[in-house]
Amino acid sequence: VVRQIVRPVKQASVVAERIADGNLNERLMVHGE
């Protein structure tokens, strides 16, 4: 359960760091609804 919740947060943090470095084209993968 925690992995299912934390994994998207980790992905979001990685993408956020890339955006902070100036890579504004980075996006998160969307799965499901």
PDB file of all heavy atoms in Angstrom:
ATOM      1  N   VAL A   1       0.829  -1.202   0.000  1.00  0.00           N
ATOM      2  CA  VAL A   1       0.000   0.000   0.000  1.00  0.00           C
ATOM      3  C   VAL A   1       0.868   1.258   0.000  1.00  0.00           C
ATOM      4  O   VAL A   1       0.645   2.204  -0.768  1.00  0.00           O
ATOM      5  CB  VAL A   1      -0.955  -0.016   1.217  1.00  0.00           C
ATOM      6  CG1 VAL A   1      -1.692   1.304   1.325  1.00  0.00           C
ATOM      7  CG2 VAL A   1      -1.947  -1.161   1.092  1.00  0.00           C
ATOM      8  N   VAL A   2       1.869   1.273   0.879  1.00  0.00           N
ATOM      9  CA  VAL A   2       2.733   2.452   0.962  1.00  0.00           C
ATOM     10  C   VAL A   2       3.508   2.647  -0.335  1.00  0.00           C
ATOM     11  O   VAL A   2       3.704   3.780  -0.790  1.00  0.00           O
ATOM     12  CB  VAL A   2       3.694   2.319   2.163  1.00  0.00           C
ATOM     13  CG1 VAL A   2       4.726   3.434   2.155  1.00  0.00           C
ATOM     14  CG2 VAL A   2       2.912   2.355   3.463  1.00  0.00           C
ATOM     15  N   ARG A   3       3.943   1.557  -0.941  1.00  0.00           N
ATOM     16  CA  ARG A   3       4.681   1.661  -2.200  1.00  0.00           C
ATOM     17  C   ARG A   3       3.804   2.267  -3.286  1.00  0.00           C
ATOM     18  O   ARG A   3       4.261   3.080  -4.088  1.00  0.00           O
ATOM     19  CB  ARG A   3       5.204   0.291  -2.620  1.00  0.00           C
ATOM     20  CG  ARG A   3       6.028   0.319  -3.902  1.00  0.00           C
ATOM     21  CD  ARG A   3       6.576  -1.049  -4.223  1.00  0.00           C
ATOM     22  NE  ARG A   3       7.318  -1.052  -5.473  1.00  0.00           N
ATOM     23  CZ  ARG A   3       8.574  -0.660  -5.595  1.00  0.00           C
ATOM     24  NH1 ARG A   3       9.226  -0.230  -4.540  1.00  0.00           N
ATOM     25  NH2 ARG A   3       9.179  -0.689  -6.774  1.00  0.00           N
ATOM     26  N   GLN A   4       2.528   1.849  -3.315  1.00  0.00           N
ATOM     27  CA  GLN A   4       1.626   2.403  -4.315  1.00  0.00           C
ATOM     28  C   GLN A   4       1.414   3.900  -4.123  1.00  0.00           C
ATOM     29  O   GLN A   4       1.147   4.635  -5.079  1.00  0.00           O
ATOM     30  CB  GLN A   4       0.278   1.682  -4.263  1.00  0.00           C
ATOM     31  CG  GLN A   4       0.338   0.247  -4.754  1.00  0.00           C
ATOM     32  CD  GLN A   4      -1.009  -0.451  -4.672  1.00  0.00           C
ATOM     33  OE1 GLN A   4      -1.960   0.092  -4.113  1.00  0.00           O
ATOM     34  NE2 GLN A   4      -1.089  -1.652  -5.225  1.00  0.00           N
ATOM     35  N   ILE A   5       1.536   4.356  -2.864  1.00  0.00           N
ATOM     36  CA  ILE A   5       1.345   5.780  -2.587  1.00  0.00           C
ATOM     37  C   ILE A   5       2.649   6.548  -2.748  1.00  0.00           C
ATOM     38  O   ILE A   5       2.671   7.656  -3.285  1.00  0.00           O
ATOM     39  CB  ILE A   5       0.768   5.976  -1.169  1.00  0.00           C
ATOM     40  CG1 ILE A   5      -0.617   5.314  -1.074  1.00  0.00           C
ATOM     41  CG2 ILE A   5       0.679   7.448  -0.806  1.00  0.00           C
ATOM     42  CD1 ILE A   5      -1.195   5.347   0.321  1.00  0.00           C
ATOM     43  N   VAL A   6       3.749   5.957  -2.269  1.00  0.00           N
ATOM     44  CA  VAL A   6       5.025   6.667  -2.256  1.00  0.00           C
ATOM     45  C   VAL A   6       5.655   6.723  -3.644  1.00  0.00           C
ATOM     46  O   VAL A   6       6.314   7.704  -3.996  1.00  0.00           O
ATOM     47  CB  VAL A   6       5.984   6.013  -1.247  1.00  0.00           C
ATOM     48  CG1 VAL A   6       7.375   6.604  -1.339  1.00  0.00           C
ATOM     49  CG2 VAL A   6       5.443   6.179   0.165  1.00  0.00           C
ATOM     50  N   ARG A   7       5.477   5.681  -4.443  1.00  0.00           N
ATOM     51  CA  ARG A   7       6.116   5.665  -5.755  1.00  0.00           C
ATOM     52  C   ARG A   7       5.706   6.853  -6.623  1.00  0.00           C
ATOM     53  O   ARG A   7       6.576   7.515  -7.206  1.00  0.00           O
ATOM     54  CB  ARG A   7       5.807   4.345  -6.463  1.00  0.00           C
ATOM     55  CG  ARG A   7       6.508   4.205  -7.809  1.00  0.00           C
ATOM     56  CD  ARG A   7       6.362   2.803  -8.351  1.00  0.00           C
ATOM     57  NE  ARG A   7       4.960   2.423  -8.448  1.00  0.00           N
ATOM     58  CZ  ARG A   7       4.535   1.208  -8.827  1.00  0.00           C
ATOM     59  NH1 ARG A   7       5.425   0.275  -9.108  1.00  0.00           N
ATOM     60  NH2 ARG A   7       3.253   0.946  -8.895  1.00  0.00           N
ATOM     61  N   PRO A   8       4.401   7.198  -6.703  1.00  0.00           N
ATOM     62  CA  PRO A   8       4.060   8.413  -7.467  1.00  0.00           C
ATOM     63  C   PRO A   8       4.657   9.681  -6.853  1.00  0.00           C
ATOM     64  O   PRO A   8       5.024  10.611  -7.583  1.00  0.00           O
ATOM     65  CB  PRO A   8       2.526   8.429  -7.414  1.00  0.00           C
ATOM     66  CG  PRO A   8       2.119   7.027  -7.148  1.00  0.00           C
ATOM     67  CD  PRO A   8       3.186   6.478  -6.272  1.00  0.00           C
ATOM     68  N   VAL A   9       4.754   9.702  -5.525  1.00  0.00           N
ATOM     69  CA  VAL A   9       5.344  10.884  -4.890  1.00  0.00           C
ATOM     70  C   VAL A   9       6.818  11.001  -5.269  1.00  0.00           C
ATOM     71  O   VAL A   9       7.325  12.098  -5.547  1.00  0.00           O
ATOM     72  CB  VAL A   9       5.168  10.806  -3.364  1.00  0.00           C
ATOM     73  CG1 VAL A   9       5.870  11.969  -2.676  1.00  0.00           C
ATOM     74  CG2 VAL A   9       3.689  10.802  -2.998  1.00  0.00           C
ATOM     75  N   LYS A  10       7.544   9.863  -5.267  1.00  0.00           N
ATOM     76  CA  LYS A  10       8.947   9.895  -5.684  1.00  0.00           C
ATOM     77  C   LYS A  10       9.079  10.351  -7.129  1.00  0.00           C
ATOM     78  O   LYS A  10       9.958  11.158  -7.465  1.00  0.00           O
ATOM     79  CB  LYS A  10       9.572   8.505  -5.518  1.00  0.00           C
ATOM     80  CG  LYS A  10       9.819   8.100  -4.072  1.00  0.00           C
ATOM     81  CD  LYS A  10      10.523   6.750  -4.013  1.00  0.00           C
ATOM     82  CE  LYS A  10      10.846   6.360  -2.577  1.00  0.00           C
ATOM     83  NZ  LYS A  10      11.532   5.039  -2.511  1.00  0.00           N
ATOM     84  N   GLN A  11       8.219   9.814  -7.990  1.00  0.00           N
ATOM     85  CA  GLN A  11       8.259  10.238  -9.383  1.00  0.00           C
ATOM     86  C   GLN A  11       7.979  11.729  -9.510  1.00  0.00           C
ATOM     87  O   GLN A  11       8.634  12.437 -10.285  1.00  0.00           O
ATOM     88  CB  GLN A  11       7.252   9.431 -10.198  1.00  0.00           C
ATOM     89  CG  GLN A  11       7.584   7.945 -10.292  1.00  0.00           C
ATOM     90  CD  GLN A  11       6.508   7.150 -11.004  1.00  0.00           C
ATOM     91  OE1 GLN A  11       5.434   7.668 -11.305  1.00  0.00           O
ATOM     92  NE2 GLN A  11       6.779   5.872 -11.249  1.00  0.00           N
ATOM     93  N   ALA A  12       7.015  12.213  -8.709  1.00  0.00           N
ATOM     94  CA  ALA A  12       6.702  13.646  -8.746  1.00  0.00           C
ATOM     95  C   ALA A  12       7.876  14.481  -8.264  1.00  0.00           C
ATOM     96  O   ALA A  12       8.164  15.553  -8.807  1.00  0.00           O
ATOM     97  CB  ALA A  12       5.460  13.932  -7.905  1.00  0.00           C
ATOM     98  N   SER A  13       8.581  13.986  -7.217  1.00  0.00           N
ATOM     99  CA  SER A  13       9.730  14.739  -6.715  1.00  0.00           C
ATOM    100  C   SER A  13      10.851  14.786  -7.749  1.00  0.00           C
ATOM    101  O   SER A  13      11.511  15.819  -7.921  1.00  0.00           O
ATOM    102  CB  SER A  13      10.237  14.111  -5.412  1.00  0.00           C
ATOM    103  OG  SER A  13      10.737  12.807  -5.640  1.00  0.00           O
ATOM    104  N   VAL A  14      11.075  13.667  -8.458  1.00  0.00           N
ATOM    105  CA  VAL A  14      12.110  13.653  -9.496  1.00  0.00           C
ATOM    106  C   VAL A  14      11.760  14.621 -10.616  1.00  0.00           C
ATOM    107  O   VAL A  14      12.605  15.406 -11.088  1.00  0.00           O
ATOM    108  CB  VAL A  14      12.293  12.219 -10.038  1.00  0.00           C
ATOM    109  CG1 VAL A  14      13.222  12.220 -11.253  1.00  0.00           C
ATOM    110  CG2 VAL A  14      12.848  11.300  -8.965  1.00  0.00           C
ATOM    111  N   VAL A  15      10.489  14.582 -11.042  1.00  0.00           N
ATOM    112  CA  VAL A  15      10.056  15.495 -12.095  1.00  0.00           C
ATOM    113  C   VAL A  15      10.144  16.941 -11.627  1.00  0.00           C
ATOM    114  O   VAL A  15      10.544  17.837 -12.375  1.00  0.00           O
ATOM    115  CB  VAL A  15       8.622  15.141 -12.540  1.00  0.00           C
ATOM    116  CG1 VAL A  15       8.091  16.174 -13.517  1.00  0.00           C
ATOM    117  CG2 VAL A  15       8.593  13.756 -13.180  1.00  0.00           C
ATOM    118  N   ALA A  16       9.777  17.188 -10.362  1.00  0.00           N
ATOM    119  CA  ALA A  16       9.855  18.543  -9.821  1.00  0.00           C
ATOM    120  C   ALA A  16      11.292  19.046  -9.804  1.00  0.00           C
ATOM    121  O   ALA A  16      11.555  20.223 -10.099  1.00  0.00           O
ATOM    122  CB  ALA A  16       9.255  18.582  -8.414  1.00  0.00           C
ATOM    123  N   GLU A  17      12.246  18.174  -9.457  1.00  0.00           N
ATOM    124  CA  GLU A  17      13.653  18.576  -9.475  1.00  0.00           C
ATOM    125  C   GLU A  17      14.110  18.906 -10.894  1.00  0.00           C
ATOM    126  O   GLU A  17      14.853  19.874 -11.108  1.00  0.00           O
ATOM    127  CB  GLU A  17      14.517  17.458  -8.901  1.00  0.00           C
ATOM    128  CG  GLU A  17      14.344  17.271  -7.390  1.00  0.00           C
ATOM    129  CD  GLU A  17      15.180  16.127  -6.860  1.00  0.00           C
ATOM    130  OE1 GLU A  17      15.833  15.456  -7.687  1.00  0.00           O
ATOM    131  OE2 GLU A  17      15.184  15.908  -5.630  1.00  0.00           O
ATOM    132  N   ARG A  18      13.662  18.115 -11.850  1.00  0.00           N
ATOM    133  CA  ARG A  18      14.028  18.410 -13.241  1.00  0.00           C
ATOM    134  C   ARG A  18      13.415  19.723 -13.700  1.00  0.00           C
ATOM    135  O   ARG A  18      14.059  20.505 -14.409  1.00  0.00           O
ATOM    136  CB  ARG A  18      13.565  17.268 -14.150  1.00  0.00           C
ATOM    137  CG  ARG A  18      14.305  15.952 -13.899  1.00  0.00           C
ATOM    138  CD  ARG A  18      13.734  14.842 -14.763  1.00  0.00           C
ATOM    139  NE  ARG A  18      14.425  13.576 -14.521  1.00  0.00           N
ATOM    140  CZ  ARG A  18      14.042  12.410 -15.037  1.00  0.00           C
ATOM    141  NH1 ARG A  18      12.969  12.357 -15.845  1.00  0.00           N
ATOM    142  NH2 ARG A  18      14.724  11.305 -14.774  1.00  0.00           N
ATOM    143  N   ILE A  19      12.176  19.975 -13.284  1.00  0.00           N
ATOM    144  CA  ILE A  19      11.542  21.249 -13.634  1.00  0.00           C
ATOM    145  C   ILE A  19      12.290  22.401 -12.987  1.00  0.00           C
ATOM    146  O   ILE A  19      12.480  23.465 -13.588  1.00  0.00           O
ATOM    147  CB  ILE A  19      10.062  21.230 -13.216  1.00  0.00           C
ATOM    148  CG1 ILE A  19       9.281  20.223 -14.079  1.00  0.00           C
ATOM    149  CG2 ILE A  19       9.435  22.611 -13.339  1.00  0.00           C
ATOM    150  CD1 ILE A  19       7.850  20.038 -13.637  1.00  0.00           C
ATOM    151  N   ALA A  20      12.716  22.190 -11.708  1.00  0.00           N
ATOM    152  CA  ALA A  20      13.469  23.239 -11.026  1.00  0.00           C
ATOM    153  C   ALA A  20      14.802  23.514 -11.721  1.00  0.00           C
ATOM    154  O   ALA A  20      15.309  24.639 -11.661  1.00  0.00           O
ATOM    155  CB  ALA A  20      13.710  22.843  -9.568  1.00  0.00           C
ATOM    156  N   ASP A  21      15.366  22.507 -12.395  1.00  0.00           N
ATOM    157  CA  ASP A  21      16.609  22.695 -13.138  1.00  0.00           C
ATOM    158  C   ASP A  21      16.390  23.382 -14.480  1.00  0.00           C
ATOM    159  O   ASP A  21      17.368  23.647 -15.194  1.00  0.00           O
ATOM    160  CB  ASP A  21      17.299  21.350 -13.364  1.00  0.00           C
ATOM    161  CG  ASP A  21      17.819  20.750 -12.062  1.00  0.00           C
ATOM    162  OD1 ASP A  21      18.046  21.534 -11.127  1.00  0.00           O
ATOM    163  OD2 ASP A  21      17.973  19.516 -11.997  1.00  0.00           O
ATOM    164  N   GLY A  22      15.130  23.647 -14.818  1.00  0.00           N
ATOM    165  CA  GLY A  22      14.841  24.352 -16.061  1.00  0.00           C
ATOM    166  C   GLY A  22      14.212  23.500 -17.137  1.00  0.00           C
ATOM    167  O   GLY A  22      13.877  24.016 -18.219  1.00  0.00           O
ATOM    168  N   ASN A  23      14.022  22.205 -16.896  1.00  0.00           N
ATOM    169  CA  ASN A  23      13.395  21.328 -17.887  1.00  0.00           C
ATOM    170  C   ASN A  23      11.877  21.400 -17.734  1.00  0.00           C
ATOM    171  O   ASN A  23      11.243  20.541 -17.122  1.00  0.00           O
ATOM    172  CB  ASN A  23      13.888  19.892 -17.722  1.00  0.00           C
ATOM    173  CG  ASN A  23      15.391  19.775 -17.869  1.00  0.00           C
ATOM    174  OD1 ASN A  23      15.978  20.420 -18.723  1.00  0.00           O
ATOM    175  ND2 ASN A  23      16.008  18.967 -17.031  1.00  0.00           N
ATOM    176  N   LEU A  24      11.296  22.446 -18.291  1.00  0.00           N
ATOM    177  CA  LEU A  24       9.866  22.683 -18.106  1.00  0.00           C
ATOM    178  C   LEU A  24       8.997  21.744 -18.927  1.00  0.00           C
ATOM    179  O   LEU A  24       7.768  21.760 -18.776  1.00  0.00           O
ATOM    180  CB  LEU A  24       9.531  24.136 -18.468  1.00  0.00           C
ATOM    181  CG  LEU A  24      10.230  25.202 -17.612  1.00  0.00           C
ATOM    182  CD1 LEU A  24       9.835  26.594 -18.096  1.00  0.00           C
ATOM    183  CD2 LEU A  24       9.885  25.024 -16.151  1.00  0.00           C
ATOM    184  N   ASN A  25       9.577  20.928 -19.789  1.00  0.00           N
ATOM    185  CA  ASN A  25       8.782  19.999 -20.598  1.00  0.00           C
ATOM    186  C   ASN A  25       8.551  18.664 -19.895  1.00  0.00           C
ATOM    187  O   ASN A  25       7.877  17.790 -20.455  1.00  0.00           O
ATOM    188  CB  ASN A  25       9.483  19.745 -21.937  1.00  0.00           C
ATOM    189  CG  ASN A  25       9.529  20.998 -22.807  1.00  0.00           C
ATOM    190  OD1 ASN A  25       8.571  21.769 -22.821  1.00  0.00           O
ATOM    191  ND2 ASN A  25      10.634  21.199 -23.510  1.00  0.00           N
ATOM    192  N   GLU A  26       9.101  18.487 -18.697  1.00  0.00           N
ATOM    193  CA  GLU A  26       8.917  17.240 -17.959  1.00  0.00           C
ATOM    194  C   GLU A  26       7.467  17.119 -17.483  1.00  0.00           C
ATOM    195  O   GLU A  26       6.847  18.096 -17.060  1.00  0.00           O
ATOM    196  CB  GLU A  26       9.854  17.190 -16.753  1.00  0.00           C
ATOM    197  CG  GLU A  26      11.318  17.054 -17.119  1.00  0.00           C
ATOM    198  CD  GLU A  26      11.656  15.674 -17.643  1.00  0.00           C
ATOM    199  OE1 GLU A  26      10.881  14.733 -17.354  1.00  0.00           O
ATOM    200  OE2 GLU A  26      12.669  15.533 -18.341  1.00  0.00           O
ATOM    201  N   ARG A  27       6.929  15.886 -17.547  1.00  0.00           N
ATOM    202  CA  ARG A  27       5.563  15.625 -17.105  1.00  0.00           C
ATOM    203  C   ARG A  27       5.504  14.267 -16.403  1.00  0.00           C
ATOM    204  O   ARG A  27       6.355  13.396 -16.618  1.00  0.00           O
ATOM    205  CB  ARG A  27       4.587  15.618 -18.290  1.00  0.00           C
ATOM    206  CG  ARG A  27       4.433  16.952 -19.011  1.00  0.00           C
ATOM    207  CD  ARG A  27       3.806  18.006 -18.134  1.00  0.00           C
ATOM    208  NE  ARG A  27       3.567  19.232 -18.860  1.00  0.00           N
ATOM    209  CZ  ARG A  27       4.442  20.223 -18.980  1.00  0.00           C
ATOM    210  NH1 ARG A  27       5.636  20.092 -18.402  1.00  0.00           N
ATOM    211  NH2 ARG A  27       4.149  21.313 -19.652  1.00  0.00           N
ATOM    212  N   LEU A  28       4.506  14.096 -15.552  1.00  0.00           N
ATOM    213  CA  LEU A  28       4.273  12.814 -14.888  1.00  0.00           C
ATOM    214  C   LEU A  28       3.453  11.896 -15.776  1.00  0.00           C
ATOM    215  O   LEU A  28       2.584  12.350 -16.546  1.00  0.00           O
ATOM    216  CB  LEU A  28       3.523  13.037 -13.567  1.00  0.00           C
ATOM    217  CG  LEU A  28       4.311  13.645 -12.407  1.00  0.00           C
ATOM    218  CD1 LEU A  28       3.369  13.897 -11.232  1.00  0.00           C
ATOM    219  CD2 LEU A  28       5.431  12.715 -11.974  1.00  0.00           C
ATOM    220  N   MET A  29       3.708  10.586 -15.648  1.00  0.00           N
ATOM    221  CA  MET A  29       2.914   9.599 -16.357  1.00  0.00           C
ATOM    222  C   MET A  29       1.589   9.405 -15.636  1.00  0.00           C
ATOM    223  O   MET A  29       1.561   9.269 -14.414  1.00  0.00           O
ATOM    224  CB  MET A  29       3.669   8.276 -16.439  1.00  0.00           C
ATOM    225  CG  MET A  29       4.992   8.358 -17.199  1.00  0.00           C
ATOM    226  SD  MET A  29       4.750   8.795 -18.938  1.00  0.00           S
ATOM    227  CE  MET A  29       3.857   7.348 -19.510  1.00  0.00           C
ATOM    228  N   VAL A  30       0.504   9.377 -16.378  1.00  0.00           N
ATOM    229  CA  VAL A  30      -0.835   9.241 -15.802  1.00  0.00           C
ATOM    230  C   VAL A  30      -1.353   7.847 -16.123  1.00  0.00           C
ATOM    231  O   VAL A  30      -1.414   7.451 -17.297  1.00  0.00           O
ATOM    232  CB  VAL A  30      -1.795  10.316 -16.346  1.00  0.00           C
ATOM    233  CG1 VAL A  30      -3.183  10.147 -15.737  1.00  0.00           C
ATOM    234  CG2 VAL A  30      -1.244  11.699 -16.050  1.00  0.00           C
ATOM    235  N   HIS A  31      -1.721   7.083 -15.072  1.00  0.00           N
ATOM    236  CA  HIS A  31      -2.266   5.734 -15.237  1.00  0.00           C
ATOM    237  C   HIS A  31      -3.565   5.644 -14.455  1.00  0.00           C
ATOM    238  O   HIS A  31      -3.590   5.877 -13.244  1.00  0.00           O
ATOM    239  CB  HIS A  31      -1.284   4.672 -14.730  1.00  0.00           C
ATOM    240  CG  HIS A  31       0.055   4.702 -15.420  1.00  0.00           C
ATOM    241  ND1 HIS A  31       0.251   4.215 -16.695  1.00  0.00           N
ATOM    242  CD2 HIS A  31       1.256   5.178 -15.001  1.00  0.00           C
ATOM    243  CE1 HIS A  31       1.523   4.372 -17.029  1.00  0.00           C
ATOM    244  NE2 HIS A  31       2.150   4.962 -16.026  1.00  0.00           N
ATOM    245  N   GLY A  32      -4.642   5.269 -15.134  1.00  0.00           N
ATOM    246  CA  GLY A  32      -5.913   5.053 -14.457  1.00  0.00           C
ATOM    247  C   GLY A  32      -6.668   6.338 -14.183  1.00  0.00           C
ATOM    248  O   GLY A  32      -6.373   7.417 -14.736  1.00  0.00           O
ATOM    249  N   GLU A  33      -7.654   6.206 -13.286  1.00  0.00           N
ATOM    250  CA  GLU A  33      -8.506   7.345 -12.957  1.00  0.00           C
ATOM    251  C   GLU A  33      -8.661   7.516 -11.451  1.00  0.00           C
ATOM    252  O   GLU A  33      -9.623   8.137 -10.992  1.00  0.00           O
ATOM    253  CB  GLU A  33      -9.895   7.148 -13.591  1.00  0.00           C
ATOM    254  CG  GLU A  33      -9.861   7.058 -15.110  1.00  0.00           C
ATOM    255  CD  GLU A  33     -11.248   6.860 -15.704  1.00  0.00           C
ATOM    256  OE1 GLU A  33     -12.204   6.727 -14.888  1.00  0.00           O
ATOM    257  OE2 GLU A  33     -11.379   6.837 -16.942  1.00  0.00           O
TER     258      GLU A  33
END
